[in-house]
Amino acid sequence: DGERMLIEINMSFASNDAAAGLELAGKLVNHYPERARAWTVLAGMQANQNDNLGSRASNQKALELEPGMAAALTGLANNNLFGEPKDFDAAESWANQFIAAYPKEAKGYEILGDIKRAQNDLEAALAAYNSASQLDPTMEQAAHKRGHVNSFLGNIDEARNAYDEAIAAAPPESKASYAVYKGFTNIHGGDIPAAIDELEALSNAVESMGTPTDQVKGFQVFALSSASFAAMQAGMFDRAEGLVTRRNSLNIEIAQDVGTDDARRILMANNQFFYGMLAAFQGDTEGAAEHAATIEGLVADDDNPRKLEGAHWVLGLSALQTKNYATAVTELRQANYANNIFVRYHLALAEEGNGNTEEANKLFSEVAVFNFNSIGFALIGREAAAHVN
């Protein structure tokens, strides 16, 4: 019964039925109230709906049942690190408890490095990742994250070398992902066109990297999505249009490969999001609104409170581009600004334009020291810092 519930919980992601997934996780706990693993599953589903306080309570219940449980300790460290309300001191405490319980495990130092990044102590983060690599030289994630930190510090050659180290150590299913982040080093170094070129070239090389056949298109979409955002941010709209068209075509192929109505519908909504963002960046208010409406129609029956976040981002950015700041604030507050640093930056711009200087500065400050790599942070982290300074 427990295994069947776990399968059904995972299937809820494919159908975008977050409510069903959370309900099933609750049933899992009811069936196995003395099993710590059930509580960590519930914690994950609660975090998926931004119920971070509930998630922390569930992980702590798991620790009561199984003191020192690794999954619960890492869950608490990561949730306090990334989830609102953030508590970096608590995150560090949980990471240190993991290190004390498992002193020979590199994972604890990897998490500690993440926390030091969040605290904007990049040198300490680098030292923690070095400790992780010393404990486990095969841990490609530690080299990968050294690439991130060196990117933020402006050590571009060191960053690219660290990513190469991660790619060499990684299994075939991870190499292409690490290579995407290597492409971001060009952005951190101030050359967006070079990043777009590298990411587009990578999308053509994914299969030759030994990537499993069923994952090739997914990594191509990741590379092209990143290149698309870079081109949009840089105002290279002709280039962006070609990139978006290609990534969306691959998305449709993925949906056909999966072969379910839910997959087709969800990936069609994702495609509409990219078309909508392209329209919004270009100041095409009518086009952005049409794509947002299409998203809303495609996910209308989904039982997921976060299902419209993408549509709100499209509408919020569109309003921001046309200097309709009040509407931009309203829409972006309904997008995924709590978890997506790019959205948070757009919200900061909207609050600034709306005359809410104090709130804008708070948001800009949060973005500037986020220190977790993504195409969004690579593109706007330094811009956010310029607003603060």
Protein backbone atom coordinates (compact mmCIF):
# COMPACT_ATOMS: atom_id res chain seq x y z
CA ASP A 1 0.00 0.00 0.00
CA GLY A 2 2.80 2.39 0.89
CA GLU A 3 4.62 1.80 -2.39
CA ARG A 4 1.37 2.32 -4.31
CA MET A 5 0.80 5.65 -2.52
CA LEU A 6 4.35 6.79 -3.31
CA ILE A 7 3.77 6.02 -7.00
CA GLU A 8 0.46 7.90 -6.97
CA ILE A 9 2.11 10.88 -5.23
CA ASN A 10 4.74 11.02 -7.97
CA MET A 11 2.04 10.73 -10.64
CA SER A 12 0.33 13.83 -9.21
CA PHE A 13 3.22 15.91 -10.59
CA ALA A 14 2.52 14.65 -14.11
CA SER A 15 -1.13 15.69 -13.87
CA ASN A 16 -0.40 18.99 -12.05
CA ASP A 17 -2.79 17.90 -9.29
CA ALA A 18 -0.94 19.23 -6.27
CA ALA A 19 -3.98 18.89 -4.01
CA ALA A 20 -4.22 15.17 -4.76
CA GLY A 21 -0.50 14.73 -4.09
CA LEU A 22 -0.77 16.49 -0.75
CA GLU A 23 -3.87 14.48 0.18
CA LEU A 24 -2.10 11.24 -0.66
CA ALA A 25 0.91 12.26 1.43
CA GLY A 26 -1.46 12.87 4.32
CA LYS A 27 -2.92 9.40 3.85
CA LEU A 28 0.59 7.95 3.77
CA VAL A 29 1.27 9.47 7.18
CA ASN A 30 -2.06 8.21 8.50
CA HIS A 31 -1.23 4.68 7.33
CA TYR A 32 2.34 4.79 8.64
CA PRO A 33 2.37 7.33 11.50
CA GLU A 34 5.47 5.78 13.06
CA ARG A 35 7.54 5.74 9.87
CA ALA A 36 9.90 8.70 9.50
CA ARG A 37 10.04 8.33 5.72
CA ALA A 38 6.29 8.99 5.43
CA TRP A 39 6.72 12.28 7.27
CA THR A 40 9.56 13.37 4.97
CA VAL A 41 7.36 12.65 1.95
CA LEU A 42 4.62 14.81 3.47
CA ALA A 43 7.22 17.51 4.15
CA GLY A 44 8.18 17.51 0.48
CA MET A 45 4.59 17.87 -0.70
CA GLN A 46 3.95 20.66 1.79
CA ALA A 47 7.03 22.53 0.56
CA ASN A 48 5.80 22.05 -3.01
CA GLN A 49 2.81 24.23 -2.10
CA ASN A 50 4.94 26.76 -0.19
CA ASP A 51 3.67 25.51 3.18
CA ASN A 52 7.20 25.74 4.53
CA LEU A 53 6.28 25.93 8.20
CA GLY A 54 4.22 22.76 7.79
CA SER A 55 7.10 21.12 5.95
CA ARG A 56 9.52 21.95 8.76
CA ALA A 57 7.14 20.54 11.37
CA SER A 58 6.79 17.29 9.39
CA ASN A 59 10.55 16.88 9.04
CA GLN A 60 10.98 17.51 12.76
CA LYS A 61 8.37 14.82 13.42
CA ALA A 62 10.48 12.48 11.28
CA LEU A 63 13.50 13.28 13.46
CA GLU A 64 11.50 12.47 16.59
CA LEU A 65 10.78 9.05 15.11
CA GLU A 66 14.27 8.50 13.71
CA PRO A 67 16.89 10.73 15.36
CA GLY A 68 19.63 11.76 12.97
CA MET A 69 17.62 10.84 9.86
CA ALA A 70 19.66 12.25 6.97
CA ALA A 71 16.70 13.13 4.74
CA ALA A 72 14.99 15.08 7.50
CA LEU A 73 18.15 16.98 8.45
CA THR A 74 18.88 17.96 4.85
CA GLY A 75 15.21 18.77 4.33
CA LEU A 76 15.22 21.16 7.28
CA ALA A 77 18.49 22.76 6.23
CA ASN A 78 17.30 23.31 2.67
CA ASN A 79 13.81 24.46 3.59
CA ASN A 80 15.12 27.08 6.01
CA LEU A 81 17.63 28.11 3.35
CA PHE A 82 15.26 28.47 0.39
CA GLY A 83 11.72 28.61 1.76
CA GLU A 84 9.92 31.62 3.15
CA PRO A 85 10.30 32.61 5.91
CA LYS A 86 14.02 32.02 5.47
CA ASP A 87 16.13 31.36 8.55
CA PHE A 88 19.80 31.05 7.66
CA ASP A 89 20.86 30.50 11.28
CA ALA A 90 18.47 27.57 11.58
CA ALA A 91 19.62 26.23 8.21
CA GLU A 92 23.24 26.33 9.37
CA SER A 93 22.33 24.61 12.64
CA TRP A 94 20.63 21.74 10.80
CA ALA A 95 23.57 21.44 8.39
CA ASN A 96 25.99 21.26 11.31
CA GLN A 97 23.84 18.59 12.94
CA PHE A 98 24.09 16.59 9.72
CA ILE A 99 27.90 17.04 9.69
CA ALA A 100 28.09 15.93 13.34
CA ALA A 101 25.97 12.84 12.61
CA TYR A 102 27.75 11.98 9.35
CA PRO A 103 31.26 13.49 9.56
CA LYS A 104 32.56 11.47 6.62
CA GLU A 105 29.71 12.45 4.29
CA ALA A 106 30.53 15.22 1.81
CA LYS A 107 26.84 16.18 1.55
CA GLY A 108 26.91 18.10 4.82
CA TYR A 109 29.69 20.38 3.61
CA GLU A 110 27.95 20.85 0.28
CA ILE A 111 24.84 22.09 2.09
CA LEU A 112 26.95 24.24 4.40
CA GLY A 113 28.50 25.82 1.30
CA ASP A 114 25.01 26.63 0.02
CA ILE A 115 24.16 28.32 3.32
CA LYS A 116 27.37 30.36 3.29
CA ARG A 117 26.47 31.50 -0.23
CA ALA A 118 23.08 32.64 1.03
CA GLN A 119 24.82 34.56 3.81
CA ASN A 120 26.93 36.22 1.09
CA ASP A 121 30.12 34.73 2.51
CA LEU A 122 31.45 33.41 -0.78
CA GLU A 123 34.95 32.61 0.46
CA ALA A 124 33.52 30.45 3.27
CA ALA A 125 31.26 28.77 0.72
CA LEU A 126 34.26 27.96 -1.45
CA ALA A 127 36.05 26.48 1.57
CA ALA A 128 33.03 24.29 2.39
CA TYR A 129 32.81 22.99 -1.17
CA ASN A 130 36.54 22.27 -1.11
CA SER A 131 35.98 20.24 2.07
CA ALA A 132 33.23 18.30 0.31
CA SER A 133 35.53 17.55 -2.63
CA GLN A 134 38.31 16.42 -0.29
CA LEU A 135 35.96 14.01 1.47
CA ASP A 136 34.56 12.70 -1.80
CA PRO A 137 36.56 13.55 -4.94
CA THR A 138 33.86 11.87 -7.06
CA MET A 139 31.19 14.32 -5.86
CA GLU A 140 30.68 16.33 -9.03
CA GLN A 141 28.14 18.62 -7.34
CA ALA A 142 30.87 20.17 -5.19
CA ALA A 143 32.97 21.02 -8.26
CA HIS A 144 29.84 22.31 -9.98
CA LYS A 145 29.13 24.66 -7.07
CA ARG A 146 32.74 25.85 -7.01
CA GLY A 147 31.97 26.91 -10.57
CA HIS A 148 29.01 28.92 -9.30
CA VAL A 149 30.96 30.69 -6.58
CA ASN A 150 33.88 31.52 -8.83
CA SER A 151 31.39 32.90 -11.37
CA PHE A 152 29.95 35.22 -8.72
CA LEU A 153 33.44 36.27 -7.64
CA GLY A 154 34.33 37.10 -11.24
CA ASN A 155 36.91 34.32 -11.47
CA ILE A 156 35.66 33.20 -14.88
CA ASP A 157 38.60 30.96 -15.86
CA GLU A 158 38.46 29.21 -12.48
CA ALA A 159 34.71 28.83 -12.86
CA ARG A 160 34.98 27.23 -16.30
CA ASN A 161 37.69 24.87 -15.03
CA ALA A 162 35.50 23.83 -12.09
CA TYR A 163 32.56 23.15 -14.42
CA ASP A 164 34.84 21.08 -16.65
CA GLU A 165 35.86 19.09 -13.56
CA ALA A 166 32.19 18.51 -12.71
CA ILE A 167 31.34 17.49 -16.28
CA ALA A 168 34.24 15.01 -16.36
CA ALA A 169 33.18 13.41 -13.06
CA ALA A 170 29.44 13.41 -13.74
CA PRO A 171 27.42 10.43 -14.97
CA PRO A 172 26.06 10.77 -18.52
CA GLU A 173 22.65 11.95 -17.33
CA SER A 174 24.18 15.00 -15.59
CA LYS A 175 26.89 16.20 -17.96
CA ALA A 176 24.65 18.36 -20.15
CA SER A 177 23.10 20.09 -17.14
CA TYR A 178 26.50 21.11 -15.81
CA ALA A 179 27.50 22.31 -19.28
CA VAL A 180 24.52 24.71 -19.32
CA TYR A 181 25.86 26.40 -16.21
CA LYS A 182 29.28 26.60 -17.81
CA GLY A 183 27.57 28.60 -20.53
CA PHE A 184 26.37 31.08 -17.91
CA THR A 185 29.99 32.03 -17.16
CA ASN A 186 29.89 34.20 -20.29
CA ILE A 187 27.03 36.20 -18.78
CA HIS A 188 28.84 36.59 -15.48
CA GLY A 189 31.80 37.78 -17.53
CA GLY A 190 29.66 40.35 -19.35
CA ASP A 191 29.21 38.68 -22.77
CA ILE A 192 25.59 37.65 -23.28
CA PRO A 193 25.92 36.94 -27.04
CA ALA A 194 28.74 34.48 -26.31
CA ALA A 195 26.53 32.76 -23.75
CA ILE A 196 23.71 32.42 -26.27
CA ASP A 197 26.12 30.97 -28.84
CA GLU A 198 27.53 28.47 -26.33
CA LEU A 199 24.10 27.40 -25.08
CA GLU A 200 22.72 26.97 -28.59
CA ALA A 201 25.79 24.95 -29.60
CA LEU A 202 25.33 22.82 -26.48
CA SER A 203 21.73 22.07 -27.46
CA ASN A 204 23.13 20.48 -30.62
CA ALA A 205 25.77 18.51 -28.71
CA VAL A 206 23.66 17.00 -25.91
CA GLU A 207 23.35 13.59 -27.56
CA SER A 208 27.09 13.38 -28.28
CA MET A 209 27.80 13.83 -24.54
CA GLY A 210 26.41 10.36 -23.88
CA THR A 211 23.12 11.66 -22.50
CA PRO A 212 20.52 8.88 -22.22
CA THR A 213 18.25 8.94 -25.26
CA ASP A 214 15.08 9.62 -23.27
CA GLN A 215 16.67 12.71 -21.67
CA VAL A 216 18.23 14.36 -24.73
CA LYS A 217 15.25 16.55 -25.63
CA GLY A 218 14.78 17.64 -22.02
CA PHE A 219 18.35 18.93 -21.78
CA GLN A 220 18.03 20.58 -25.19
CA VAL A 221 14.99 22.42 -23.87
CA PHE A 222 16.94 23.47 -20.75
CA ALA A 223 19.78 24.90 -22.85
CA LEU A 224 17.44 26.63 -25.29
CA SER A 225 15.24 27.99 -22.49
CA SER A 226 18.31 29.59 -20.91
CA ALA A 227 19.47 30.99 -24.25
CA SER A 228 15.95 32.33 -24.91
CA PHE A 229 15.85 34.26 -21.64
CA ALA A 230 19.33 35.64 -22.29
CA ALA A 231 18.31 36.84 -25.76
CA MET A 232 15.09 38.38 -24.43
CA GLN A 233 16.89 40.19 -21.62
CA ALA A 234 19.48 41.52 -24.09
CA GLY A 235 16.80 42.74 -26.50
CA MET A 236 17.98 40.34 -29.21
CA PHE A 237 14.40 39.55 -30.20
CA ASP A 238 15.01 38.03 -33.64
CA ARG A 239 17.44 35.59 -32.04
CA ALA A 240 15.03 34.98 -29.15
CA GLU A 241 12.16 34.18 -31.50
CA GLY A 242 14.14 31.46 -33.24
CA LEU A 243 15.29 29.98 -29.93
CA VAL A 244 11.80 29.98 -28.43
CA THR A 245 10.33 28.42 -31.55
CA ARG A 246 12.87 25.60 -31.49
CA ARG A 247 12.57 24.91 -27.74
CA ASN A 248 8.78 24.87 -27.98
CA SER A 249 8.89 22.44 -30.90
CA LEU A 250 11.05 20.11 -28.81
CA ASN A 251 8.60 20.46 -25.92
CA ILE A 252 5.79 19.24 -28.16
CA GLU A 253 7.92 16.26 -29.18
CA ILE A 254 8.44 15.46 -25.48
CA ALA A 255 4.69 15.60 -24.91
CA GLN A 256 4.16 13.21 -27.81
CA ASP A 257 6.80 10.87 -26.43
CA VAL A 258 5.05 10.82 -23.03
CA GLY A 259 1.75 10.29 -24.82
CA THR A 260 -0.72 11.48 -22.19
CA ASP A 261 -3.29 14.26 -22.42
CA ASP A 262 -1.94 15.81 -19.21
CA ALA A 263 1.60 15.93 -20.60
CA ARG A 264 0.43 17.58 -23.81
CA ARG A 265 -1.66 20.13 -21.94
CA ILE A 266 1.00 21.03 -19.35
CA LEU A 267 3.78 21.36 -21.93
CA MET A 268 1.51 23.38 -24.22
CA ALA A 269 0.93 25.76 -21.30
CA ASN A 270 4.68 25.95 -20.78
CA ASN A 271 5.14 26.83 -24.46
CA GLN A 272 2.53 29.57 -24.17
CA PHE A 273 4.48 30.94 -21.22
CA PHE A 274 7.61 31.34 -23.37
CA TYR A 275 5.65 32.93 -26.21
CA GLY A 276 4.04 35.22 -23.65
CA MET A 277 7.36 36.24 -22.11
CA LEU A 278 8.76 37.03 -25.56
CA ALA A 279 5.72 39.21 -26.28
CA ALA A 280 6.02 40.90 -22.89
CA PHE A 281 9.72 41.69 -23.30
CA GLN A 282 8.91 43.24 -26.67
CA GLY A 283 6.17 45.43 -25.22
CA ASP A 284 3.43 43.56 -27.08
CA THR A 285 0.69 43.95 -24.48
CA GLU A 286 -2.04 42.38 -26.58
CA GLY A 287 0.08 39.35 -27.49
CA ALA A 288 1.18 38.82 -23.88
CA ALA A 289 -2.44 38.95 -22.71
CA GLU A 290 -3.50 36.40 -25.34
CA HIS A 291 -0.80 33.94 -24.32
CA ALA A 292 -1.60 34.42 -20.62
CA ALA A 293 -5.28 33.73 -21.34
CA THR A 294 -4.33 30.57 -23.22
CA ILE A 295 -2.30 29.38 -20.24
CA GLU A 296 -5.27 30.00 -17.98
CA GLY A 297 -7.51 27.94 -20.24
CA LEU A 298 -5.09 25.04 -20.42
CA VAL A 299 -4.68 24.72 -16.64
CA ALA A 300 -8.21 25.77 -15.65
CA ASP A 301 -9.21 22.37 -14.30
CA ASP A 302 -5.94 21.68 -12.45
CA ASP A 303 -6.27 21.48 -8.68
CA ASN A 304 -3.08 23.40 -7.99
CA PRO A 305 -3.07 26.79 -6.23
CA ARG A 306 0.11 27.77 -8.09
CA LYS A 307 -1.12 26.90 -11.57
CA LEU A 308 -1.40 30.51 -12.79
CA GLU A 309 1.99 31.79 -11.61
CA GLY A 310 3.41 31.74 -15.13
CA ALA A 311 0.47 33.67 -16.55
CA HIS A 312 0.82 36.29 -13.82
CA TRP A 313 4.52 36.68 -14.61
CA VAL A 314 3.72 37.27 -18.29
CA LEU A 315 1.08 39.87 -17.42
CA GLY A 316 3.26 41.48 -14.76
CA LEU A 317 6.26 41.83 -17.06
CA SER A 318 4.01 43.15 -19.82
CA ALA A 319 2.65 45.83 -17.49
CA LEU A 320 6.17 46.64 -16.30
CA GLN A 321 7.39 47.13 -19.87
CA THR A 322 4.58 49.60 -20.55
CA LYS A 323 5.18 51.38 -17.21
CA ASN A 324 1.82 50.34 -15.79
CA TYR A 325 3.52 49.83 -12.45
CA ALA A 326 0.47 49.33 -10.23
CA THR A 327 -0.80 46.50 -12.42
CA ALA A 328 2.70 45.05 -12.62
CA VAL A 329 2.93 44.90 -8.83
CA THR A 330 -0.48 43.23 -8.56
CA GLU A 331 0.35 40.59 -11.16
CA LEU A 332 3.91 39.88 -10.03
CA ARG A 333 2.76 39.46 -6.42
CA GLN A 334 0.72 36.52 -7.76
CA ALA A 335 3.66 35.07 -9.69
CA ASN A 336 6.42 32.95 -8.19
CA TYR A 337 8.42 35.82 -6.73
CA ALA A 338 9.03 33.91 -3.48
CA ASN A 339 11.06 31.23 -5.27
CA ASN A 340 12.09 32.72 -8.63
CA ILE A 341 14.75 35.41 -8.40
CA PHE A 342 14.00 36.74 -11.89
CA VAL A 343 10.37 37.38 -10.90
CA ARG A 344 11.53 39.03 -7.69
CA TYR A 345 13.73 41.38 -9.70
CA HIS A 346 10.82 42.35 -11.94
CA LEU A 347 8.72 42.93 -8.82
CA ALA A 348 11.45 45.18 -7.42
CA LEU A 349 11.41 47.24 -10.63
CA ALA A 350 7.63 47.46 -10.45
CA GLU A 351 7.64 48.56 -6.81
CA GLU A 352 10.30 51.15 -7.64
CA GLY A 353 8.23 52.49 -10.51
CA ASN A 354 5.15 52.53 -8.30
CA GLY A 355 6.94 54.76 -5.79
CA ASN A 356 7.42 52.09 -3.11
CA THR A 357 11.12 52.81 -2.68
CA GLU A 358 11.62 51.03 0.63
CA GLU A 359 10.03 47.79 -0.59
CA ALA A 360 11.90 48.02 -3.89
CA ASN A 361 15.25 48.41 -2.12
CA LYS A 362 14.47 45.44 0.09
CA LEU A 363 13.74 43.29 -2.95
CA PHE A 364 16.79 44.53 -4.87
CA SER A 365 18.96 43.71 -1.84
CA GLU A 366 17.55 40.18 -1.66
CA VAL A 367 18.21 39.61 -5.35
CA ALA A 368 21.74 41.06 -5.24
CA VAL A 369 22.97 38.57 -2.62
CA PHE A 370 20.91 35.56 -3.71
CA ASN A 371 24.07 33.79 -4.91
CA PHE A 372 22.33 30.73 -6.39
CA ASN A 373 22.99 30.24 -10.06
CA SER A 374 20.22 30.34 -12.63
CA ILE A 375 19.77 32.09 -15.93
CA GLY A 376 17.79 34.75 -14.06
CA PHE A 377 20.43 35.46 -11.44
CA ALA A 378 23.19 35.44 -14.04
CA LEU A 379 21.30 38.06 -16.05
CA ILE A 380 20.12 40.41 -13.32
CA GLY A 381 22.17 39.83 -10.15
CA ARG A 382 24.58 42.65 -10.86
CA GLU A 383 21.82 44.94 -12.08
CA ALA A 384 20.06 44.43 -8.76
CA ALA A 385 23.28 45.24 -6.89
CA ALA A 386 23.61 48.46 -8.92
CA HIS A 387 20.16 49.54 -7.70
CA VAL A 388 21.24 48.94 -4.10
CA ASN A 389 24.54 50.76 -4.51
